[in-house]
Amino acid sequence: MNKVIKDLSLRYCKDVRVIKTICEHPLLFTKHKIEDSTNIRAIMIRYLGKFVPKHGKTLEDKQRNVKRFLDRKNGN
């Protein structure tokens, strides 16, 4: 397993610890990627499916929704 992780780290130019975390704890990696508001891409995990952040969960979406609500409330 360590040889595979080293090969992947060299292939993708990533730290060995990052590749090891992705391989051994895919759901923890997915959680961190989905919580990151700058990353809106889907994440595919083999045998589990595709994980996508819900629409309207980023900070920009929340700010836009609040502005839209206040505009409607004020009649604009």
PDB file of N, CA and C in Angstrom:
ATOM      1  N   MET A   1       0.830  -1.199   0.000  1.00  0.00           N
ATOM      2  CA  MET A   1       0.000   0.000   0.000  1.00  0.00           C
ATOM      3  C   MET A   1       0.870   1.256   0.000  1.00  0.00           C
ATOM      4  N   ASN A   2       1.977   1.236   0.735  1.00  0.00           N
ATOM      5  CA  ASN A   2       2.836   2.416   0.799  1.00  0.00           C
ATOM      6  C   ASN A   2       3.465   2.726  -0.556  1.00  0.00           C
ATOM      7  N   LYS A   3       3.790   1.689  -1.325  1.00  0.00           N
ATOM      8  CA  LYS A   3       4.368   1.907  -2.647  1.00  0.00           C
ATOM      9  C   LYS A   3       3.354   2.569  -3.574  1.00  0.00           C
ATOM     10  N   VAL A   4       2.098   2.140  -3.489  1.00  0.00           N
ATOM     11  CA  VAL A   4       1.039   2.731  -4.312  1.00  0.00           C
ATOM     12  C   VAL A   4       0.846   4.198  -3.945  1.00  0.00           C
ATOM     13  N   ILE A   5       0.853   4.487  -2.654  1.00  0.00           N
ATOM     14  CA  ILE A   5       0.684   5.872  -2.198  1.00  0.00           C
ATOM     15  C   ILE A   5       1.847   6.733  -2.667  1.00  0.00           C
ATOM     16  N   LYS A   6       3.055   6.213  -2.594  1.00  0.00           N
ATOM     17  CA  LYS A   6       4.222   6.967  -3.068  1.00  0.00           C
ATOM     18  C   LYS A   6       4.147   7.208  -4.575  1.00  0.00           C
ATOM     19  N   ASP A   7       3.732   6.193  -5.322  1.00  0.00           N
ATOM     20  CA  ASP A   7       3.595   6.358  -6.771  1.00  0.00           C
ATOM     21  C   ASP A   7       2.546   7.415  -7.115  1.00  0.00           C
ATOM     22  N   LEU A   8       1.417   7.389  -6.408  1.00  0.00           N
ATOM     23  CA  LEU A   8       0.374   8.394  -6.648  1.00  0.00           C
ATOM     24  C   LEU A   8       0.842   9.793  -6.279  1.00  0.00           C
ATOM     25  N   SER A   9       1.594   9.903  -5.198  1.00  0.00           N
ATOM     26  CA  SER A   9       2.080  11.226  -4.796  1.00  0.00           C
ATOM     27  C   SER A   9       3.054  11.789  -5.821  1.00  0.00           C
ATOM     28  N   LEU A  10       3.868  10.932  -6.416  1.00  0.00           N
ATOM     29  CA  LEU A  10       4.782  11.399  -7.458  1.00  0.00           C
ATOM     30  C   LEU A  10       4.024  11.747  -8.736  1.00  0.00           C
ATOM     31  N   ARG A  11       3.015  10.954  -9.079  1.00  0.00           N
ATOM     32  CA  ARG A  11       2.261  11.182 -10.306  1.00  0.00           C
ATOM     33  C   ARG A  11       1.485  12.492 -10.254  1.00  0.00           C
ATOM     34  N   TYR A  12       0.872  12.797  -9.108  1.00  0.00           N
ATOM     35  CA  TYR A  12       0.028  13.985  -9.001  1.00  0.00           C
ATOM     36  C   TYR A  12       0.710  15.151  -8.290  1.00  0.00           C
ATOM     37  N   CYS A  13       1.986  15.008  -7.966  1.00  0.00           N
ATOM     38  CA  CYS A  13       2.777  16.069  -7.327  1.00  0.00           C
ATOM     39  C   CYS A  13       2.109  16.561  -6.044  1.00  0.00           C
ATOM     40  N   LYS A  14       1.656  15.637  -5.230  1.00  0.00           N
ATOM     41  CA  LYS A  14       1.033  15.951  -3.943  1.00  0.00           C
ATOM     42  C   LYS A  14       1.859  15.318  -2.833  1.00  0.00           C
ATOM     43  N   ASP A  15       1.696  15.848  -1.639  1.00  0.00           N
ATOM     44  CA  ASP A  15       2.387  15.300  -0.479  1.00  0.00           C
ATOM     45  C   ASP A  15       1.864  13.894  -0.173  1.00  0.00           C
ATOM     46  N   VAL A  16       2.743  13.044   0.329  1.00  0.00           N
ATOM     47  CA  VAL A  16       2.375  11.659   0.646  1.00  0.00           C
ATOM     48  C   VAL A  16       1.255  11.631   1.680  1.00  0.00           C
ATOM     49  N   ARG A  17       1.274  12.564   2.633  1.00  0.00           N
ATOM     50  CA  ARG A  17       0.240  12.594   3.672  1.00  0.00           C
ATOM     51  C   ARG A  17      -1.137  12.897   3.085  1.00  0.00           C
ATOM     52  N   VAL A  18      -1.182  13.759   2.077  1.00  0.00           N
ATOM     53  CA  VAL A  18      -2.457  14.093   1.441  1.00  0.00           C
ATOM     54  C   VAL A  18      -3.017  12.871   0.720  1.00  0.00           C
ATOM     55  N   ILE A  19      -2.181  12.193  -0.041  1.00  0.00           N
ATOM     56  CA  ILE A  19      -2.619  10.999  -0.769  1.00  0.00           C
ATOM     57  C   ILE A  19      -3.042   9.903   0.202  1.00  0.00           C
ATOM     58  N   LYS A  20      -2.309   9.757   1.294  1.00  0.00           N
ATOM     59  CA  LYS A  20      -2.648   8.737   2.295  1.00  0.00           C
ATOM     60  C   LYS A  20      -4.007   9.039   2.934  1.00  0.00           C
ATOM     61  N   THR A  21      -4.277  10.306   3.231  1.00  0.00           N
ATOM     62  CA  THR A  21      -5.567  10.691   3.801  1.00  0.00           C
ATOM     63  C   THR A  21      -6.707  10.418   2.829  1.00  0.00           C
ATOM     64  N   ILE A  22      -6.484  10.736   1.561  1.00  0.00           N
ATOM     65  CA  ILE A  22      -7.522  10.493   0.557  1.00  0.00           C
ATOM     66  C   ILE A  22      -7.802   8.996   0.427  1.00  0.00           C
ATOM     67  N   CYS A  23      -6.761   8.185   0.438  1.00  0.00           N
ATOM     68  CA  CYS A  23      -6.932   6.739   0.267  1.00  0.00           C
ATOM     69  C   CYS A  23      -7.540   6.073   1.499  1.00  0.00           C
ATOM     70  N   GLU A  24      -7.126   6.478   2.680  1.00  0.00           N
ATOM     71  CA  GLU A  24      -7.552   5.788   3.899  1.00  0.00           C
ATOM     72  C   GLU A  24      -8.832   6.365   4.497  1.00  0.00           C
ATOM     73  N   HIS A  25      -9.111   7.628   4.249  1.00  0.00           N
ATOM     74  CA  HIS A  25     -10.291   8.274   4.837  1.00  0.00           C
ATOM     75  C   HIS A  25     -11.012   9.110   3.779  1.00  0.00           C
ATOM     76  N   PRO A  26     -11.636   8.470   2.803  1.00  0.00           N
ATOM     77  CA  PRO A  26     -12.244   9.255   1.720  1.00  0.00           C
ATOM     78  C   PRO A  26     -13.402  10.144   2.181  1.00  0.00           C
ATOM     79  N   LEU A  27     -14.164   9.718   3.181  1.00  0.00           N
ATOM     80  CA  LEU A  27     -15.286  10.540   3.625  1.00  0.00           C
ATOM     81  C   LEU A  27     -14.813  11.769   4.397  1.00  0.00           C
ATOM     82  N   LEU A  28     -13.718  11.647   5.139  1.00  0.00           N
ATOM     83  CA  LEU A  28     -13.151  12.809   5.827  1.00  0.00           C
ATOM     84  C   LEU A  28     -12.650  13.823   4.803  1.00  0.00           C
ATOM     85  N   PHE A  29     -11.991  13.335   3.759  1.00  0.00           N
ATOM     86  CA  PHE A  29     -11.526  14.212   2.684  1.00  0.00           C
ATOM     87  C   PHE A  29     -12.713  14.893   2.007  1.00  0.00           C
ATOM     88  N   THR A  30     -13.778  14.129   1.752  1.00  0.00           N
ATOM     89  CA  THR A  30     -14.974  14.677   1.115  1.00  0.00           C
ATOM     90  C   THR A  30     -15.604  15.763   1.969  1.00  0.00           C
ATOM     91  N   LYS A  31     -15.665  15.524   3.276  1.00  0.00           N
ATOM     92  CA  LYS A  31     -16.243  16.512   4.190  1.00  0.00           C
ATOM     93  C   LYS A  31     -15.486  17.840   4.121  1.00  0.00           C
ATOM     94  N   HIS A  32     -14.160  17.767   4.134  1.00  0.00           N
ATOM     95  CA  HIS A  32     -13.363  18.996   4.083  1.00  0.00           C
ATOM     96  C   HIS A  32     -13.531  19.714   2.747  1.00  0.00           C
ATOM     97  N   LYS A  33     -13.619  18.970   1.659  1.00  0.00           N
ATOM     98  CA  LYS A  33     -13.779  19.598   0.350  1.00  0.00           C
ATOM     99  C   LYS A  33     -15.155  20.241   0.189  1.00  0.00           C
ATOM    100  N   ILE A  34     -16.184  19.603   0.726  1.00  0.00           N
ATOM    101  CA  ILE A  34     -17.530  20.164   0.597  1.00  0.00           C
ATOM    102  C   ILE A  34     -17.705  21.379   1.508  1.00  0.00           C
ATOM    103  N   GLU A  35     -17.048  21.373   2.675  1.00  0.00           N
ATOM    104  CA  GLU A  35     -17.154  22.519   3.577  1.00  0.00           C
ATOM    105  C   GLU A  35     -16.436  23.750   3.028  1.00  0.00           C
ATOM    106  N   ASP A  36     -15.475  23.546   2.143  1.00  0.00           N
ATOM    107  CA  ASP A  36     -14.746  24.656   1.541  1.00  0.00           C
ATOM    108  C   ASP A  36     -15.674  25.393   0.581  1.00  0.00           C
ATOM    109  N   SER A  37     -15.976  26.641   0.857  1.00  0.00           N
ATOM    110  CA  SER A  37     -16.954  27.376   0.056  1.00  0.00           C
ATOM    111  C   SER A  37     -16.423  27.750  -1.317  1.00  0.00           C
ATOM    112  N   THR A  38     -15.109  27.712  -1.516  1.00  0.00           N
ATOM    113  CA  THR A  38     -14.563  28.060  -2.824  1.00  0.00           C
ATOM    114  C   THR A  38     -14.616  26.885  -3.791  1.00  0.00           C
ATOM    115  N   ASN A  39     -14.798  25.676  -3.286  1.00  0.00           N
ATOM    116  CA  ASN A  39     -14.835  24.489  -4.124  1.00  0.00           C
ATOM    117  C   ASN A  39     -16.284  24.076  -4.330  1.00  0.00           C
ATOM    118  N   ILE A  40     -16.782  24.159  -5.560  1.00  0.00           N
ATOM    119  CA  ILE A  40     -18.173  23.795  -5.827  1.00  0.00           C
ATOM    120  C   ILE A  40     -18.270  22.574  -6.735  1.00  0.00           C
ATOM    121  N   ARG A  41     -17.160  21.892  -6.931  1.00  0.00           N
ATOM    122  CA  ARG A  41     -17.153  20.720  -7.791  1.00  0.00           C
ATOM    123  C   ARG A  41     -17.654  19.488  -7.050  1.00  0.00           C
ATOM    124  N   ALA A  42     -18.181  18.543  -7.793  1.00  0.00           N
ATOM    125  CA  ALA A  42     -18.648  17.283  -7.221  1.00  0.00           C
ATOM    126  C   ALA A  42     -17.452  16.373  -6.949  1.00  0.00           C
ATOM    127  N   ILE A  43     -17.619  15.485  -5.981  1.00  0.00           N
ATOM    128  CA  ILE A  43     -16.572  14.520  -5.629  1.00  0.00           C
ATOM    129  C   ILE A  43     -17.143  13.126  -5.802  1.00  0.00           C
ATOM    130  N   MET A  44     -16.453  12.293  -6.563  1.00  0.00           N
ATOM    131  CA  MET A  44     -16.906  10.937  -6.832  1.00  0.00           C
ATOM    132  C   MET A  44     -16.077   9.961  -6.002  1.00  0.00           C
ATOM    133  N   ILE A  45     -16.774   9.128  -5.202  1.00  0.00           N
ATOM    134  CA  ILE A  45     -16.104   8.092  -4.414  1.00  0.00           C
ATOM    135  C   ILE A  45     -16.570   6.743  -4.942  1.00  0.00           C
ATOM    136  N   ARG A  46     -15.615   5.916  -5.256  1.00  0.00           N
ATOM    137  CA  ARG A  46     -15.926   4.605  -5.820  1.00  0.00           C
ATOM    138  C   ARG A  46     -16.822   3.819  -4.877  1.00  0.00           C
ATOM    139  N   TYR A  47     -17.823   3.192  -5.409  1.00  0.00           N
ATOM    140  CA  TYR A  47     -18.811   2.361  -4.716  1.00  0.00           C
ATOM    141  C   TYR A  47     -19.781   3.160  -3.842  1.00  0.00           C
ATOM    142  N   LEU A  48     -19.580   4.431  -3.628  1.00  0.00           N
ATOM    143  CA  LEU A  48     -20.484   5.225  -2.802  1.00  0.00           C
ATOM    144  C   LEU A  48     -21.282   6.237  -3.603  1.00  0.00           C
ATOM    145  N   GLY A  49     -20.708   6.746  -4.662  1.00  0.00           N
ATOM    146  CA  GLY A  49     -21.432   7.689  -5.490  1.00  0.00           C
ATOM    147  C   GLY A  49     -20.804   9.064  -5.526  1.00  0.00           C
ATOM    148  N   LYS A  50     -21.587  10.011  -5.998  1.00  0.00           N
ATOM    149  CA  LYS A  50     -21.118  11.377  -6.187  1.00  0.00           C
ATOM    150  C   LYS A  50     -21.661  12.262  -5.078  1.00  0.00           C
ATOM    151  N   PHE A  51     -20.800  13.079  -4.519  1.00  0.00           N
ATOM    152  CA  PHE A  51     -21.170  14.011  -3.460  1.00  0.00           C
ATOM    153  C   PHE A  51     -21.036  15.429  -4.004  1.00  0.00           C
ATOM    154  N   VAL A  52     -22.102  16.205  -3.855  1.00  0.00           N
ATOM    155  CA  VAL A  52     -22.152  17.565  -4.388  1.00  0.00           C
ATOM    156  C   VAL A  52     -22.626  18.496  -3.283  1.00  0.00           C
ATOM    157  N   PRO A  53     -21.993  19.665  -3.122  1.00  0.00           N
ATOM    158  CA  PRO A  53     -22.521  20.628  -2.146  1.00  0.00           C
ATOM    159  C   PRO A  53     -23.906  21.101  -2.581  1.00  0.00           C
ATOM    160  N   LYS A  54     -24.798  21.262  -1.631  1.00  0.00           N
ATOM    161  CA  LYS A  54     -26.155  21.696  -1.950  1.00  0.00           C
ATOM    162  C   LYS A  54     -26.149  23.129  -2.446  1.00  0.00           C
ATOM    163  N   HIS A  55     -27.056  23.395  -3.364  1.00  0.00           N
ATOM    164  CA  HIS A  55     -27.193  24.746  -3.899  1.00  0.00           C
ATOM    165  C   HIS A  55     -27.655  25.681  -2.783  1.00  0.00           C
ATOM    166  N   GLY A  56     -27.047  26.839  -2.694  1.00  0.00           N
ATOM    167  CA  GLY A  56     -27.454  27.822  -1.698  1.00  0.00           C
ATOM    168  C   GLY A  56     -26.724  27.685  -0.372  1.00  0.00           C
ATOM    169  N   LYS A  57     -25.694  26.855  -0.318  1.00  0.00           N
ATOM    170  CA  LYS A  57     -24.987  26.655   0.940  1.00  0.00           C
ATOM    171  C   LYS A  57     -23.696  27.465   1.025  1.00  0.00           C
ATOM    172  N   THR A  58     -23.274  28.094  -0.059  1.00  0.00           N
ATOM    173  CA  THR A  58     -22.069  28.900   0.002  1.00  0.00           C
ATOM    174  C   THR A  58     -22.398  30.275   0.562  1.00  0.00           C
ATOM    175  N   LEU A  59     -21.413  30.962   1.039  1.00  0.00           N
ATOM    176  CA  LEU A  59     -21.601  32.277   1.645  1.00  0.00           C
ATOM    177  C   LEU A  59     -22.173  33.268   0.626  1.00  0.00           C
ATOM    178  N   GLU A  60     -21.680  33.200  -0.614  1.00  0.00           N
ATOM    179  CA  GLU A  60     -22.169  34.117  -1.641  1.00  0.00           C
ATOM    180  C   GLU A  60     -23.649  33.865  -1.926  1.00  0.00           C
ATOM    181  N   ASP A  61     -24.052  32.589  -1.962  1.00  0.00           N
ATOM    182  CA  ASP A  61     -25.460  32.271  -2.202  1.00  0.00           C
ATOM    183  C   ASP A  61     -26.335  32.785  -1.068  1.00  0.00           C
ATOM    184  N   LYS A  62     -25.874  32.646   0.163  1.00  0.00           N
ATOM    185  CA  LYS A  62     -26.649  33.129   1.303  1.00  0.00           C
ATOM    186  C   LYS A  62     -26.787  34.644   1.262  1.00  0.00           C
ATOM    187  N   GLN A  63     -25.712  35.339   0.925  1.00  0.00           N
ATOM    188  CA  GLN A  63     -25.771  36.794   0.844  1.00  0.00           C
ATOM    189  C   GLN A  63     -26.720  37.233  -0.271  1.00  0.00           C
ATOM    190  N   ARG A  64     -26.692  36.540  -1.404  1.00  0.00           N
ATOM    191  CA  ARG A  64     -27.589  36.858  -2.510  1.00  0.00           C
ATOM    192  C   ARG A  64     -29.043  36.612  -2.123  1.00  0.00           C
ATOM    193  N   ASN A  65     -29.294  35.524  -1.390  1.00  0.00           N
ATOM    194  CA  ASN A  65     -30.659  35.221  -0.965  1.00  0.00           C
ATOM    195  C   ASN A  65     -31.180  36.262   0.020  1.00  0.00           C
ATOM    196  N   VAL A  66     -30.336  36.726   0.935  1.00  0.00           N
ATOM    197  CA  VAL A  66     -30.746  37.756   1.896  1.00  0.00           C
ATOM    198  C   VAL A  66     -31.045  39.057   1.163  1.00  0.00           C
ATOM    199  N   LYS A  67     -30.186  39.415   0.203  1.00  0.00           N
ATOM    200  CA  LYS A  67     -30.413  40.642  -0.564  1.00  0.00           C
ATOM    201  C   LYS A  67     -31.722  40.545  -1.353  1.00  0.00           C
ATOM    202  N   ARG A  68     -31.987  39.404  -1.974  1.00  0.00           N
ATOM    203  CA  ARG A  68     -33.226  39.210  -2.728  1.00  0.00           C
ATOM    204  C   ARG A  68     -34.444  39.306  -1.810  1.00  0.00           C
ATOM    205  N   PHE A  69     -34.338  38.724  -0.614  1.00  0.00           N
ATOM    206  CA  PHE A  69     -35.441  38.791   0.346  1.00  0.00           C
ATOM    207  C   PHE A  69     -35.719  40.223   0.770  1.00  0.00           C
ATOM    208  N   LEU A  70     -34.657  40.982   1.072  1.00  0.00           N
ATOM    209  CA  LEU A  70     -34.844  42.369   1.493  1.00  0.00           C
ATOM    210  C   LEU A  70     -35.390  43.226   0.365  1.00  0.00           C
ATOM    211  N   ASP A  71     -34.970  42.957  -0.874  1.00  0.00           N
ATOM    212  CA  ASP A  71     -35.504  43.705  -2.006  1.00  0.00           C
ATOM    213  C   ASP A  71     -36.991  43.455  -2.191  1.00  0.00           C
ATOM    214  N   ARG A  72     -37.410  42.202  -2.039  1.00  0.00           N
ATOM    215  CA  ARG A  72     -38.832  41.880  -2.171  1.00  0.00           C
ATOM    216  C   ARG A  72     -39.654  42.492  -1.039  1.00  0.00           C
ATOM    217  N   LYS A  73     -39.054  42.483   0.163  1.00  0.00           N
ATOM    218  CA  LYS A  73     -39.743  43.032   1.317  1.00  0.00           C
ATOM    219  C   LYS A  73     -39.957  44.539   1.173  1.00  0.00           C
ATOM    220  N   ASN A  74     -38.969  45.223   0.604  1.00  0.00           N
ATOM    221  CA  ASN A  74     -39.054  46.675   0.430  1.00  0.00           C
ATOM    222  C   ASN A  74     -39.826  47.066  -0.816  1.00  0.00           C
ATOM    223  N   GLY A  75     -40.225  46.091  -1.636  1.00  0.00           N
ATOM    224  CA  GLY A  75     -41.012  46.375  -2.828  1.00  0.00           C
ATOM    225  C   GLY A  75     -40.194  46.784  -4.026  1.00  0.00           C
ATOM    226  N   ASN A  76     -38.916  46.468  -4.060  1.00  0.00           N
ATOM    227  CA  ASN A  76     -38.062  46.831  -5.192  1.00  0.00           C
ATOM    228  C   ASN A  76     -38.041  45.749  -6.210  1.00  0.00           C
TER     229      ASN A  76
END
